[in-house]
Amino acid sequence: MLIRIDTDCLFITNRLREIDSSYFVVFNSKKNRYEVHSKRQAENTFCVGLPFSKLDERTIDFVLKTRIENIEKIIEKIEKQNQKVENRNKKDMIEKIQEVLF
């Protein structure tokens, strides 16, 4: 069940509408989390599930960070992290092979 949140004590819902007038916040009781939705998305209004248990300044930062306009930065960050993991895995594999051989 989705419960629409129109007002809150920190004015987070208002501040989100300042970022994008189509945004609205719901509490998804089935998933026990807040979500940001957009009226501009016709069939599925869901934009992002918030990883916080309450609406606060982190919500604004998270929404700004995850907006589609930032997709290139997000992809670049993911690719850098993936490269670090791959390099670490290669290093670990080389060390294990060396242990077996020597």
Foldseek 3Di string as FASTA:
>chain_A
DKAWDCQDPQRLQVVVCVVPVQWTWIQDVVVQWIFIFGPVDPPGRTDDTDPDNDDDPVVVVVCVCRDPVNVVVVVVVVVVVVVVVVVVVVVVVVVVVVVVVD
